[in-house]
Amino acid sequence: ELHQWGGAAILVAGTCAAEASQWEVSDSDGNSMTGDAWGMALVAVSLTLTSASAVACEHAYKSTDLSLPRQNIVLYSYGAGLNLLAATALREEVSLADLSLSSLTQHFSGWTWAVVAAQ
């Protein structure tokens, strides 16, 4: 577990260093390609939270007696449910009765269907 936290720290430091190296870079219109110190702080906080949640999730799953395929089913079920909840909450004009597979997948490209099939 200590190696995971070390890896997370390296991820945060490396990403922040890559972001900081682009501070003086501008696009062809003269607009800055990066934010300011607040943007750097936001990047660091979001990466830290994401890394911490990944380490905590792995720890929680490794401490159970569930098989790996069952753990994946549980994890993806929660993810799909939360994504469906978020999608329906953002679409005020659609009620749960109006939801169908075609309305949820109407903008899927061929690549999106390939990813779905591979999962």
PDB file of N, CA and C in Angstrom:
ATOM      1  N   GLU A   1       0.826  -1.195   0.000  1.00  0.00           N
ATOM      2  CA  GLU A   1       0.000   0.000   0.000  1.00  0.00           C
ATOM      3  C   GLU A   1       0.871   1.261   0.000  1.00  0.00           C
ATOM      4  N   LEU A   2       2.021   1.201   0.634  1.00  0.00           N
ATOM      5  CA  LEU A   2       2.919   2.348   0.654  1.00  0.00           C
ATOM      6  C   LEU A   2       3.419   2.674  -0.749  1.00  0.00           C
ATOM      7  N   HIS A   3       3.625   1.641  -1.576  1.00  0.00           N
ATOM      8  CA  HIS A   3       4.064   1.873  -2.957  1.00  0.00           C
ATOM      9  C   HIS A   3       2.977   2.591  -3.762  1.00  0.00           C
ATOM     10  N   GLN A   4       1.725   2.264  -3.482  1.00  0.00           N
ATOM     11  CA  GLN A   4       0.630   2.923  -4.192  1.00  0.00           C
ATOM     12  C   GLN A   4       0.584   4.417  -3.865  1.00  0.00           C
ATOM     13  N   TRP A   5       0.759   4.750  -2.586  1.00  0.00           N
ATOM     14  CA  TRP A   5       0.765   6.158  -2.200  1.00  0.00           C
ATOM     15  C   TRP A   5       1.963   6.873  -2.818  1.00  0.00           C
ATOM     16  N   GLY A   6       3.104   6.187  -2.883  1.00  0.00           N
ATOM     17  CA  GLY A   6       4.273   6.773  -3.536  1.00  0.00           C
ATOM     18  C   GLY A   6       4.023   7.012  -5.012  1.00  0.00           C
ATOM     19  N   GLY A   7       3.383   6.048  -5.655  1.00  0.00           N
ATOM     20  CA  GLY A   7       3.035   6.209  -7.064  1.00  0.00           C
ATOM     21  C   GLY A   7       2.059   7.352  -7.275  1.00  0.00           C
ATOM     22  N   ALA A   8       1.107   7.490  -6.369  1.00  0.00           N
ATOM     23  CA  ALA A   8       0.147   8.598  -6.463  1.00  0.00           C
ATOM     24  C   ALA A   8       0.861   9.937  -6.308  1.00  0.00           C
ATOM     25  N   ALA A   9       1.807  10.003  -5.389  1.00  0.00           N
ATOM     26  CA  ALA A   9       2.566  11.244  -5.183  1.00  0.00           C
ATOM     27  C   ALA A   9       3.393  11.588  -6.417  1.00  0.00           C
ATOM     28  N   ILE A  10       3.993  10.583  -7.048  1.00  0.00           N
ATOM     29  CA  ILE A  10       4.762  10.822  -8.270  1.00  0.00           C
ATOM     30  C   ILE A  10       3.850  11.298  -9.397  1.00  0.00           C
ATOM     31  N   LEU A  11       2.650  10.720  -9.484  1.00  0.00           N
ATOM     32  CA  LEU A  11       1.681  11.146 -10.489  1.00  0.00           C
ATOM     33  C   LEU A  11       1.322  12.618 -10.303  1.00  0.00           C
ATOM     34  N   VAL A  12       1.017  13.017  -9.079  1.00  0.00           N
ATOM     35  CA  VAL A  12       0.653  14.408  -8.809  1.00  0.00           C
ATOM     36  C   VAL A  12       1.826  15.335  -9.121  1.00  0.00           C
ATOM     37  N   ALA A  13       3.013  14.983  -8.658  1.00  0.00           N
ATOM     38  CA  ALA A  13       4.186  15.835  -8.885  1.00  0.00           C
ATOM     39  C   ALA A  13       4.508  15.942 -10.374  1.00  0.00           C
ATOM     40  N   GLY A  14       4.463  14.830 -11.091  1.00  0.00           N
ATOM     41  CA  GLY A  14       4.766  14.845 -12.517  1.00  0.00           C
ATOM     42  C   GLY A  14       3.767  15.648 -13.323  1.00  0.00           C
ATOM     43  N   THR A  15       2.497  15.496 -13.016  1.00  0.00           N
ATOM     44  CA  THR A  15       1.468  16.239 -13.739  1.00  0.00           C
ATOM     45  C   THR A  15       1.574  17.729 -13.457  1.00  0.00           C
ATOM     46  N   CYS A  16       1.811  18.077 -12.198  1.00  0.00           N
ATOM     47  CA  CYS A  16       1.976  19.497 -11.857  1.00  0.00           C
ATOM     48  C   CYS A  16       3.220  20.079 -12.525  1.00  0.00           C
ATOM     49  N   ALA A  17       4.291  19.298 -12.603  1.00  0.00           N
ATOM     50  CA  ALA A  17       5.498  19.770 -13.278  1.00  0.00           C
ATOM     51  C   ALA A  17       5.246  19.959 -14.775  1.00  0.00           C
ATOM     52  N   ALA A  18       4.507  19.057 -15.384  1.00  0.00           N
ATOM     53  CA  ALA A  18       4.182  19.195 -16.807  1.00  0.00           C
ATOM     54  C   ALA A  18       3.307  20.424 -17.036  1.00  0.00           C
ATOM     55  N   GLU A  19       2.371  20.661 -16.138  1.00  0.00           N
ATOM     56  CA  GLU A  19       1.512  21.844 -16.241  1.00  0.00           C
ATOM     57  C   GLU A  19       2.334  23.117 -16.073  1.00  0.00           C
ATOM     58  N   ALA A  20       3.232  23.137 -15.104  1.00  0.00           N
ATOM     59  CA  ALA A  20       4.050  24.324 -14.845  1.00  0.00           C
ATOM     60  C   ALA A  20       4.998  24.606 -16.010  1.00  0.00           C
ATOM     61  N   SER A  21       5.443  23.582 -16.707  1.00  0.00           N
ATOM     62  CA  SER A  21       6.365  23.797 -17.827  1.00  0.00           C
ATOM     63  C   SER A  21       5.686  24.497 -18.996  1.00  0.00           C
ATOM     64  N   GLN A  22       4.366  24.527 -19.015  1.00  0.00           N
ATOM     65  CA  GLN A  22       3.616  25.141 -20.108  1.00  0.00           C
ATOM     66  C   GLN A  22       3.093  26.541 -19.771  1.00  0.00           C
ATOM     67  N   TRP A  23       3.481  27.090 -18.622  1.00  0.00           N
ATOM     68  CA  TRP A  23       2.929  28.379 -18.191  1.00  0.00           C
ATOM     69  C   TRP A  23       3.196  29.517 -19.155  1.00  0.00           C
ATOM     70  N   GLU A  24       4.324  29.548 -19.784  1.00  0.00           N
ATOM     71  CA  GLU A  24       4.672  30.661 -20.659  1.00  0.00           C
ATOM     72  C   GLU A  24       4.262  30.421 -22.108  1.00  0.00           C
ATOM     73  N   VAL A  25       3.660  29.292 -22.407  1.00  0.00           N
ATOM     74  CA  VAL A  25       3.297  28.940 -23.777  1.00  0.00           C
ATOM     75  C   VAL A  25       1.948  29.563 -24.125  1.00  0.00           C
ATOM     76  N   SER A  26       1.867  30.133 -25.311  1.00  0.00           N
ATOM     77  CA  SER A  26       0.622  30.734 -25.792  1.00  0.00           C
ATOM     78  C   SER A  26       0.259  30.115 -27.137  1.00  0.00           C
ATOM     79  N   ASP A  27      -1.027  30.172 -27.470  1.00  0.00           N
ATOM     80  CA  ASP A  27      -1.454  29.671 -28.770  1.00  0.00           C
ATOM     81  C   ASP A  27      -1.218  30.742 -29.840  1.00  0.00           C
ATOM     82  N   SER A  28      -1.668  30.492 -31.054  1.00  0.00           N
ATOM     83  CA  SER A  28      -1.399  31.414 -32.158  1.00  0.00           C
ATOM     84  C   SER A  28      -2.083  32.768 -31.973  1.00  0.00           C
ATOM     85  N   ASP A  29      -3.134  32.829 -31.152  1.00  0.00           N
ATOM     86  CA  ASP A  29      -3.832  34.085 -30.889  1.00  0.00           C
ATOM     87  C   ASP A  29      -3.263  34.832 -29.689  1.00  0.00           C
ATOM     88  N   GLY A  30      -2.256  34.258 -29.032  1.00  0.00           N
ATOM     89  CA  GLY A  30      -1.653  34.906 -27.877  1.00  0.00           C
ATOM     90  C   GLY A  30      -2.311  34.553 -26.554  1.00  0.00           C
ATOM     91  N   ASN A  31      -3.252  33.633 -26.585  1.00  0.00           N
ATOM     92  CA  ASN A  31      -3.922  33.220 -25.346  1.00  0.00           C
ATOM     93  C   ASN A  31      -3.063  32.209 -24.603  1.00  0.00           C
ATOM     94  N   SER A  32      -3.060  32.305 -23.291  1.00  0.00           N
ATOM     95  CA  SER A  32      -2.280  31.388 -22.461  1.00  0.00           C
ATOM     96  C   SER A  32      -2.841  29.978 -22.588  1.00  0.00           C
ATOM     97  N   MET A  33      -1.958  29.006 -22.649  1.00  0.00           N
ATOM     98  CA  MET A  33      -2.375  27.612 -22.780  1.00  0.00           C
ATOM     99  C   MET A  33      -2.696  26.975 -21.435  1.00  0.00           C
ATOM    100  N   THR A  34      -2.352  27.648 -20.354  1.00  0.00           N
ATOM    101  CA  THR A  34      -2.601  27.104 -19.024  1.00  0.00           C
ATOM    102  C   THR A  34      -3.217  28.168 -18.146  1.00  0.00           C
ATOM    103  N   GLY A  35      -3.594  27.755 -16.960  1.00  0.00           N
ATOM    104  CA  GLY A  35      -4.164  28.683 -15.996  1.00  0.00           C
ATOM    105  C   GLY A  35      -3.090  29.340 -15.162  1.00  0.00           C
ATOM    106  N   ASP A  36      -3.477  29.743 -13.987  1.00  0.00           N
ATOM    107  CA  ASP A  36      -2.556  30.394 -13.071  1.00  0.00           C
ATOM    108  C   ASP A  36      -2.298  29.476 -11.884  1.00  0.00           C
ATOM    109  N   ALA A  37      -1.880  30.044 -10.772  1.00  0.00           N
ATOM    110  CA  ALA A  37      -1.581  29.235  -9.585  1.00  0.00           C
ATOM    111  C   ALA A  37      -2.830  28.528  -9.064  1.00  0.00           C
ATOM    112  N   TRP A  38      -4.000  29.162  -9.201  1.00  0.00           N
ATOM    113  CA  TRP A  38      -5.239  28.499  -8.771  1.00  0.00           C
ATOM    114  C   TRP A  38      -5.514  27.257  -9.622  1.00  0.00           C
ATOM    115  N   GLY A  39      -5.213  27.349 -10.907  1.00  0.00           N
ATOM    116  CA  GLY A  39      -5.378  26.192 -11.777  1.00  0.00           C
ATOM    117  C   GLY A  39      -4.448  25.059 -11.390  1.00  0.00           C
ATOM    118  N   MET A  40      -3.213  25.406 -11.040  1.00  0.00           N
ATOM    119  CA  MET A  40      -2.250  24.399 -10.585  1.00  0.00           C
ATOM    120  C   MET A  40      -2.731  23.747  -9.294  1.00  0.00           C
ATOM    121  N   ALA A  41      -3.255  24.554  -8.385  1.00  0.00           N
ATOM    122  CA  ALA A  41      -3.771  24.012  -7.121  1.00  0.00           C
ATOM    123  C   ALA A  41      -4.958  23.084  -7.391  1.00  0.00           C
ATOM    124  N   LEU A  42      -5.820  23.467  -8.325  1.00  0.00           N
ATOM    125  CA  LEU A  42      -6.969  22.634  -8.670  1.00  0.00           C
ATOM    126  C   LEU A  42      -6.530  21.305  -9.270  1.00  0.00           C
ATOM    127  N   VAL A  43      -5.513  21.344 -10.137  1.00  0.00           N
ATOM    128  CA  VAL A  43      -4.972  20.114 -10.715  1.00  0.00           C
ATOM    129  C   VAL A  43      -4.424  19.215  -9.615  1.00  0.00           C
ATOM    130  N   ALA A  44      -3.651  19.790  -8.708  1.00  0.00           N
ATOM    131  CA  ALA A  44      -3.054  19.005  -7.626  1.00  0.00           C
ATOM    132  C   ALA A  44      -4.122  18.403  -6.718  1.00  0.00           C
ATOM    133  N   VAL A  45      -5.138  19.180  -6.369  1.00  0.00           N
ATOM    134  CA  VAL A  45      -6.206  18.673  -5.495  1.00  0.00           C
ATOM    135  C   VAL A  45      -7.000  17.577  -6.190  1.00  0.00           C
ATOM    136  N   SER A  46      -7.359  17.790  -7.456  1.00  0.00           N
ATOM    137  CA  SER A  46      -8.158  16.775  -8.146  1.00  0.00           C
ATOM    138  C   SER A  46      -7.372  15.480  -8.336  1.00  0.00           C
ATOM    139  N   LEU A  47      -6.086  15.587  -8.661  1.00  0.00           N
ATOM    140  CA  LEU A  47      -5.274  14.375  -8.800  1.00  0.00           C
ATOM    141  C   LEU A  47      -5.092  13.666  -7.462  1.00  0.00           C
ATOM    142  N   THR A  48      -4.917  14.433  -6.401  1.00  0.00           N
ATOM    143  CA  THR A  48      -4.763  13.825  -5.075  1.00  0.00           C
ATOM    144  C   THR A  48      -6.029  13.088  -4.668  1.00  0.00           C
ATOM    145  N   LEU A  49      -7.188  13.716  -4.866  1.00  0.00           N
ATOM    146  CA  LEU A  49      -8.455  13.066  -4.514  1.00  0.00           C
ATOM    147  C   LEU A  49      -8.703  11.828  -5.365  1.00  0.00           C
ATOM    148  N   THR A  50      -8.424  11.924  -6.654  1.00  0.00           N
ATOM    149  CA  THR A  50      -8.613  10.781  -7.541  1.00  0.00           C
ATOM    150  C   THR A  50      -7.692   9.629  -7.167  1.00  0.00           C
ATOM    151  N   SER A  51      -6.435   9.943  -6.896  1.00  0.00           N
ATOM    152  CA  SER A  51      -5.471   8.906  -6.519  1.00  0.00           C
ATOM    153  C   SER A  51      -5.834   8.277  -5.178  1.00  0.00           C
ATOM    154  N   ALA A  52      -6.227   9.108  -4.223  1.00  0.00           N
ATOM    155  CA  ALA A  52      -6.606   8.582  -2.905  1.00  0.00           C
ATOM    156  C   ALA A  52      -7.826   7.686  -3.004  1.00  0.00           C
ATOM    157  N   SER A  53      -8.795   8.064  -3.830  1.00  0.00           N
ATOM    158  CA  SER A  53      -9.982   7.223  -3.963  1.00  0.00           C
ATOM    159  C   SER A  53      -9.656   5.905  -4.652  1.00  0.00           C
ATOM    160  N   ALA A  54      -8.734   5.920  -5.614  1.00  0.00           N
ATOM    161  CA  ALA A  54      -8.340   4.678  -6.278  1.00  0.00           C
ATOM    162  C   ALA A  54      -7.628   3.741  -5.312  1.00  0.00           C
ATOM    163  N   VAL A  55      -6.729   4.284  -4.485  1.00  0.00           N
ATOM    164  CA  VAL A  55      -6.019   3.456  -3.508  1.00  0.00           C
ATOM    165  C   VAL A  55      -7.003   2.915  -2.470  1.00  0.00           C
ATOM    166  N   ALA A  56      -7.920   3.749  -1.994  1.00  0.00           N
ATOM    167  CA  ALA A  56      -8.896   3.308  -1.004  1.00  0.00           C
ATOM    168  C   ALA A  56      -9.835   2.253  -1.580  1.00  0.00           C
ATOM    169  N   CYS A  57     -10.238   2.434  -2.838  1.00  0.00           N
ATOM    170  CA  CYS A  57     -11.118   1.461  -3.493  1.00  0.00           C
ATOM    171  C   CYS A  57     -10.422   0.117  -3.632  1.00  0.00           C
ATOM    172  N   GLU A  58      -9.171   0.137  -4.053  1.00  0.00           N
ATOM    173  CA  GLU A  58      -8.432  -1.116  -4.198  1.00  0.00           C
ATOM    174  C   GLU A  58      -8.246  -1.801  -2.848  1.00  0.00           C
ATOM    175  N   HIS A  59      -7.967  -1.012  -1.829  1.00  0.00           N
ATOM    176  CA  HIS A  59      -7.819  -1.581  -0.485  1.00  0.00           C
ATOM    177  C   HIS A  59      -9.129  -2.226  -0.025  1.00  0.00           C
ATOM    178  N   ALA A  60     -10.240  -1.538  -0.274  1.00  0.00           N
ATOM    179  CA  ALA A  60     -11.542  -2.068   0.144  1.00  0.00           C
ATOM    180  C   ALA A  60     -11.858  -3.373  -0.577  1.00  0.00           C
ATOM    181  N   TYR A  61     -11.563  -3.442  -1.866  1.00  0.00           N
ATOM    182  CA  TYR A  61     -11.869  -4.658  -2.608  1.00  0.00           C
ATOM    183  C   TYR A  61     -10.924  -5.805  -2.282  1.00  0.00           C
ATOM    184  N   LYS A  62      -9.670  -5.489  -2.000  1.00  0.00           N
ATOM    185  CA  LYS A  62      -8.737  -6.557  -1.658  1.00  0.00           C
ATOM    186  C   LYS A  62      -9.020  -7.139  -0.278  1.00  0.00           C
ATOM    187  N   SER A  63      -9.733  -6.409   0.562  1.00  0.00           N
ATOM    188  CA  SER A  63     -10.027  -6.905   1.900  1.00  0.00           C
ATOM    189  C   SER A  63     -11.292  -7.763   1.923  1.00  0.00           C
ATOM    190  N   THR A  64     -11.953  -7.964   0.778  1.00  0.00           N
ATOM    191  CA  THR A  64     -13.151  -8.809   0.722  1.00  0.00           C
ATOM    192  C   THR A  64     -12.800 -10.190   0.189  1.00  0.00           C
ATOM    193  N   ASP A  65     -13.724 -11.108   0.338  1.00  0.00           N
ATOM    194  CA  ASP A  65     -13.527 -12.468  -0.162  1.00  0.00           C
ATOM    195  C   ASP A  65     -14.146 -12.676  -1.544  1.00  0.00           C
ATOM    196  N   LEU A  66     -14.625 -11.601  -2.165  1.00  0.00           N
ATOM    197  CA  LEU A  66     -15.243 -11.727  -3.480  1.00  0.00           C
ATOM    198  C   LEU A  66     -14.182 -12.012  -4.541  1.00  0.00           C
ATOM    199  N   SER A  67     -14.572 -12.785  -5.542  1.00  0.00           N
ATOM    200  CA  SER A  67     -13.666 -13.044  -6.650  1.00  0.00           C
ATOM    201  C   SER A  67     -13.514 -11.780  -7.490  1.00  0.00           C
ATOM    202  N   LEU A  68     -12.459 -11.709  -8.268  1.00  0.00           N
ATOM    203  CA  LEU A  68     -12.201 -10.531  -9.092  1.00  0.00           C
ATOM    204  C   LEU A  68     -13.342 -10.254 -10.077  1.00  0.00           C
ATOM    205  N   PRO A  69     -13.885 -11.253 -10.781  1.00  0.00           N
ATOM    206  CA  PRO A  69     -15.005 -10.951 -11.686  1.00  0.00           C
ATOM    207  C   PRO A  69     -16.217 -10.378 -10.949  1.00  0.00           C
ATOM    208  N   ARG A  70     -16.508 -10.903  -9.763  1.00  0.00           N
ATOM    209  CA  ARG A  70     -17.646 -10.390  -8.996  1.00  0.00           C
ATOM    210  C   ARG A  70     -17.376  -8.969  -8.519  1.00  0.00           C
ATOM    211  N   GLN A  71     -16.132  -8.679  -8.128  1.00  0.00           N
ATOM    212  CA  GLN A  71     -15.773  -7.318  -7.725  1.00  0.00           C
ATOM    213  C   GLN A  71     -15.978  -6.353  -8.897  1.00  0.00           C
ATOM    214  N   ASN A  72     -15.586  -6.782 -10.096  1.00  0.00           N
ATOM    215  CA  ASN A  72     -15.774  -5.941 -11.273  1.00  0.00           C
ATOM    216  C   ASN A  72     -17.238  -5.696 -11.566  1.00  0.00           C
ATOM    217  N   ILE A  73     -18.069  -6.723 -11.411  1.00  0.00           N
ATOM    218  CA  ILE A  73     -19.509  -6.564 -11.643  1.00  0.00           C
ATOM    219  C   ILE A  73     -20.085  -5.562 -10.657  1.00  0.00           C
ATOM    220  N   VAL A  74     -19.716  -5.678  -9.389  1.00  0.00           N
ATOM    221  CA  VAL A  74     -20.214  -4.744  -8.382  1.00  0.00           C
ATOM    222  C   VAL A  74     -19.748  -3.323  -8.699  1.00  0.00           C
ATOM    223  N   LEU A  75     -18.470  -3.176  -9.008  1.00  0.00           N
ATOM    224  CA  LEU A  75     -17.909  -1.860  -9.284  1.00  0.00           C
ATOM    225  C   LEU A  75     -18.579  -1.223 -10.500  1.00  0.00           C
ATOM    226  N   TYR A  76     -18.722  -1.951 -11.599  1.00  0.00           N
ATOM    227  CA  TYR A  76     -19.334  -1.401 -12.797  1.00  0.00           C
ATOM    228  C   TYR A  76     -20.826  -1.151 -12.606  1.00  0.00           C
ATOM    229  N   SER A  77     -21.484  -1.960 -11.788  1.00  0.00           N
ATOM    230  CA  SER A  77     -22.904  -1.728 -11.512  1.00  0.00           C
ATOM    231  C   SER A  77     -23.095  -0.405 -10.790  1.00  0.00           C
ATOM    232  N   TYR A  78     -22.268  -0.154  -9.780  1.00  0.00           N
ATOM    233  CA  TYR A  78     -22.348   1.134  -9.091  1.00  0.00           C
ATOM    234  C   TYR A  78     -22.051   2.278 -10.056  1.00  0.00           C
ATOM    235  N   GLY A  79     -21.021   2.126 -10.868  1.00  0.00           N
ATOM    236  CA  GLY A  79     -20.670   3.174 -11.821  1.00  0.00           C
ATOM    237  C   GLY A  79     -21.786   3.444 -12.820  1.00  0.00           C
ATOM    238  N   ALA A  80     -22.369   2.388 -13.357  1.00  0.00           N
ATOM    239  CA  ALA A  80     -23.454   2.560 -14.326  1.00  0.00           C
ATOM    240  C   ALA A  80     -24.669   3.199 -13.677  1.00  0.00           C
ATOM    241  N   GLY A  81     -24.983   2.777 -12.468  1.00  0.00           N
ATOM    242  CA  GLY A  81     -26.125   3.358 -11.754  1.00  0.00           C
ATOM    243  C   GLY A  81     -25.931   4.833 -11.449  1.00  0.00           C
ATOM    244  N   LEU A  82     -24.751   5.188 -10.982  1.00  0.00           N
ATOM    245  CA  LEU A  82     -24.478   6.599 -10.678  1.00  0.00           C
ATOM    246  C   LEU A  82     -24.451   7.443 -11.947  1.00  0.00           C
ATOM    247  N   ASN A  83     -23.907   6.904 -13.032  1.00  0.00           N
ATOM    248  CA  ASN A  83     -23.913   7.642 -14.297  1.00  0.00           C
ATOM    249  C   ASN A  83     -25.323   7.823 -14.829  1.00  0.00           C
ATOM    250  N   LEU A  84     -26.158   6.810 -14.705  1.00  0.00           N
ATOM    251  CA  LEU A  84     -27.554   6.924 -15.132  1.00  0.00           C
ATOM    252  C   LEU A  84     -28.277   7.967 -14.296  1.00  0.00           C
ATOM    253  N   LEU A  85     -28.026   7.959 -12.991  1.00  0.00           N
ATOM    254  CA  LEU A  85     -28.639   8.947 -12.114  1.00  0.00           C
ATOM    255  C   LEU A  85     -28.211  10.358 -12.499  1.00  0.00           C
ATOM    256  N   ALA A  86     -26.932  10.549 -12.765  1.00  0.00           N
ATOM    257  CA  ALA A  86     -26.438  11.871 -13.168  1.00  0.00           C
ATOM    258  C   ALA A  86     -27.018  12.287 -14.512  1.00  0.00           C
ATOM    259  N   ALA A  87     -27.097  11.354 -15.445  1.00  0.00           N
ATOM    260  CA  ALA A  87     -27.629  11.680 -16.770  1.00  0.00           C
ATOM    261  C   ALA A  87     -29.090  12.075 -16.696  1.00  0.00           C
ATOM    262  N   THR A  88     -29.866  11.388 -15.884  1.00  0.00           N
ATOM    263  CA  THR A  88     -31.282  11.725 -15.782  1.00  0.00           C
ATOM    264  C   THR A  88     -31.486  13.010 -14.982  1.00  0.00           C
ATOM    265  N   ALA A  89     -30.608  13.287 -14.035  1.00  0.00           N
ATOM    266  CA  ALA A  89     -30.744  14.518 -13.253  1.00  0.00           C
ATOM    267  C   ALA A  89     -30.433  15.742 -14.112  1.00  0.00           C
ATOM    268  N   LEU A  90     -29.546  15.606 -15.071  1.00  0.00           N
ATOM    269  CA  LEU A  90     -29.179  16.731 -15.917  1.00  0.00           C
ATOM    270  C   LEU A  90     -30.177  16.970 -17.041  1.00  0.00           C
ATOM    271  N   ARG A  91     -31.008  16.004 -17.308  1.00  0.00           N
ATOM    272  CA  ARG A  91     -32.015  16.145 -18.365  1.00  0.00           C
ATOM    273  C   ARG A  91     -33.369  16.304 -17.699  1.00  0.00           C
ATOM    274  N   GLU A  92     -33.723  17.536 -17.373  1.00  0.00           N
ATOM    275  CA  GLU A  92     -34.940  17.811 -16.616  1.00  0.00           C
ATOM    276  C   GLU A  92     -36.204  17.408 -17.352  1.00  0.00           C
ATOM    277  N   GLU A  93     -36.203  17.536 -18.670  1.00  0.00           N
ATOM    278  CA  GLU A  93     -37.425  17.283 -19.423  1.00  0.00           C
ATOM    279  C   GLU A  93     -37.712  15.791 -19.618  1.00  0.00           C
ATOM    280  N   VAL A  94     -36.811  14.914 -19.219  1.00  0.00           N
ATOM    281  CA  VAL A  94     -36.990  13.483 -19.413  1.00  0.00           C
ATOM    282  C   VAL A  94     -37.329  12.828 -18.079  1.00  0.00           C
ATOM    283  N   SER A  95     -38.411  12.098 -18.056  1.00  0.00           N
ATOM    284  CA  SER A  95     -38.764  11.364 -16.849  1.00  0.00           C
ATOM    285  C   SER A  95     -38.224   9.941 -16.959  1.00  0.00           C
ATOM    286  N   LEU A  96     -38.210   9.229 -15.857  1.00  0.00           N
ATOM    287  CA  LEU A  96     -37.718   7.851 -15.885  1.00  0.00           C
ATOM    288  C   LEU A  96     -38.554   6.974 -16.801  1.00  0.00           C
ATOM    289  N   ALA A  97     -39.842   7.277 -16.938  1.00  0.00           N
ATOM    290  CA  ALA A  97     -40.703   6.491 -17.815  1.00  0.00           C
ATOM    291  C   ALA A  97     -40.344   6.694 -19.286  1.00  0.00           C
ATOM    292  N   ASP A  98     -39.765   7.855 -19.611  1.00  0.00           N
ATOM    293  CA  ASP A  98     -39.405   8.151 -21.003  1.00  0.00           C
ATOM    294  C   ASP A  98     -38.067   7.564 -21.420  1.00  0.00           C
ATOM    295  N   LEU A  99     -37.296   7.058 -20.471  1.00  0.00           N
ATOM    296  CA  LEU A  99     -35.964   6.556 -20.799  1.00  0.00           C
ATOM    297  C   LEU A  99     -36.053   5.228 -21.547  1.00  0.00           C
ATOM    298  N   SER A 100     -35.291   5.122 -22.579  1.00  0.00           N
ATOM    299  CA  SER A 100     -35.169   3.867 -23.305  1.00  0.00           C
ATOM    300  C   SER A 100     -33.715   3.717 -23.720  1.00  0.00           C
ATOM    301  N   LEU A 101     -33.353   2.542 -24.139  1.00  0.00           N
ATOM    302  CA  LEU A 101     -31.976   2.308 -24.565  1.00  0.00           C
ATOM    303  C   LEU A 101     -31.614   3.203 -25.741  1.00  0.00           C
ATOM    304  N   SER A 102     -32.544   3.415 -26.661  1.00  0.00           N
ATOM    305  CA  SER A 102     -32.236   4.244 -27.826  1.00  0.00           C
ATOM    306  C   SER A 102     -32.033   5.709 -27.451  1.00  0.00           C
ATOM    307  N   SER A 103     -32.764   6.202 -26.442  1.00  0.00           N
ATOM    308  CA  SER A 103     -32.573   7.603 -26.047  1.00  0.00           C
ATOM    309  C   SER A 103     -31.252   7.799 -25.307  1.00  0.00           C
ATOM    310  N   LEU A 104     -30.779   6.774 -24.618  1.00  0.00           N
ATOM    311  CA  LEU A 104     -29.517   6.887 -23.896  1.00  0.00           C
ATOM    312  C   LEU A 104     -28.305   6.682 -24.798  1.00  0.00           C
ATOM    313  N   THR A 105     -28.500   6.013 -25.932  1.00  0.00           N
ATOM    314  CA  THR A 105     -27.375   5.682 -26.800  1.00  0.00           C
ATOM    315  C   THR A 105     -27.461   6.358 -28.169  1.00  0.00           C
ATOM    316  N   GLN A 106     -28.282   7.375 -28.316  1.00  0.00           N
ATOM    317  CA  GLN A 106     -28.516   7.966 -29.630  1.00  0.00           C
ATOM    318  C   GLN A 106     -27.284   8.636 -30.234  1.00  0.00           C
ATOM    319  N   HIS A 107     -26.334   9.078 -29.418  1.00  0.00           N
ATOM    320  CA  HIS A 107     -25.152   9.752 -29.947  1.00  0.00           C
ATOM    321  C   HIS A 107     -23.904   8.869 -29.907  1.00  0.00           C
ATOM    322  N   PHE A 108     -24.066   7.577 -29.715  1.00  0.00           N
ATOM    323  CA  PHE A 108     -22.916   6.673 -29.687  1.00  0.00           C
ATOM    324  C   PHE A 108     -22.331   6.548 -31.090  1.00  0.00           C
ATOM    325  N   SER A 109     -21.015   6.635 -31.159  1.00  0.00           N
ATOM    326  CA  SER A 109     -20.322   6.405 -32.430  1.00  0.00           C
ATOM    327  C   SER A 109     -19.948   4.927 -32.516  1.00  0.00           C
ATOM    328  N   GLY A 110     -19.361   4.553 -33.635  1.00  0.00           N
ATOM    329  CA  GLY A 110     -18.891   3.176 -33.789  1.00  0.00           C
ATOM    330  C   GLY A 110     -17.821   2.827 -32.764  1.00  0.00           C
ATOM    331  N   TRP A 111     -16.948   3.799 -32.467  1.00  0.00           N
ATOM    332  CA  TRP A 111     -15.899   3.566 -31.473  1.00  0.00           C
ATOM    333  C   TRP A 111     -16.497   3.378 -30.088  1.00  0.00           C
ATOM    334  N   THR A 112     -17.537   4.122 -29.750  1.00  0.00           N
ATOM    335  CA  THR A 112     -18.184   3.965 -28.456  1.00  0.00           C
ATOM    336  C   THR A 112     -18.795   2.583 -28.337  1.00  0.00           C
ATOM    337  N   TRP A 113     -19.456   2.117 -29.392  1.00  0.00           N
ATOM    338  CA  TRP A 113     -20.028   0.768 -29.362  1.00  0.00           C
ATOM    339  C   TRP A 113     -18.933  -0.293 -29.258  1.00  0.00           C
ATOM    340  N   ALA A 114     -17.779  -0.048 -29.862  1.00  0.00           N
ATOM    341  CA  ALA A 114     -16.665  -0.988 -29.761  1.00  0.00           C
ATOM    342  C   ALA A 114     -16.180  -1.093 -28.323  1.00  0.00           C
ATOM    343  N   VAL A 115     -16.100   0.036 -27.633  1.00  0.00           N
ATOM    344  CA  VAL A 115     -15.693   0.019 -26.225  1.00  0.00           C
ATOM    345  C   VAL A 115     -16.729  -0.710 -25.380  1.00  0.00           C
ATOM    346  N   VAL A 116     -18.009  -0.472 -25.639  1.00  0.00           N
ATOM    347  CA  VAL A 116     -19.068  -1.146 -24.903  1.00  0.00           C
ATOM    348  C   VAL A 116     -18.986  -2.649 -25.139  1.00  0.00           C
ATOM    349  N   ALA A 117     -18.768  -3.060 -26.367  1.00  0.00           N
ATOM    350  CA  ALA A 117     -18.687  -4.483 -26.688  1.00  0.00           C
ATOM    351  C   ALA A 117     -17.464  -5.123 -26.035  1.00  0.00           C
ATOM    352  N   ALA A 118     -16.385  -4.384 -25.964  1.00  0.00           N
ATOM    353  CA  ALA A 118     -15.148  -4.933 -25.371  1.00  0.00           C
ATOM    354  C   ALA A 118     -15.275  -5.108 -23.864  1.00  0.00           C
ATOM    355  N   GLN A 119     -16.128  -4.323 -23.242  1.00  0.00           N
ATOM    356  CA  GLN A 119     -16.290  -4.426 -21.800  1.00  0.00           C
ATOM    357  C   GLN A 119     -17.124  -5.630 -21.458  1.00  0.00           C
TER     358      GLN A 119
END
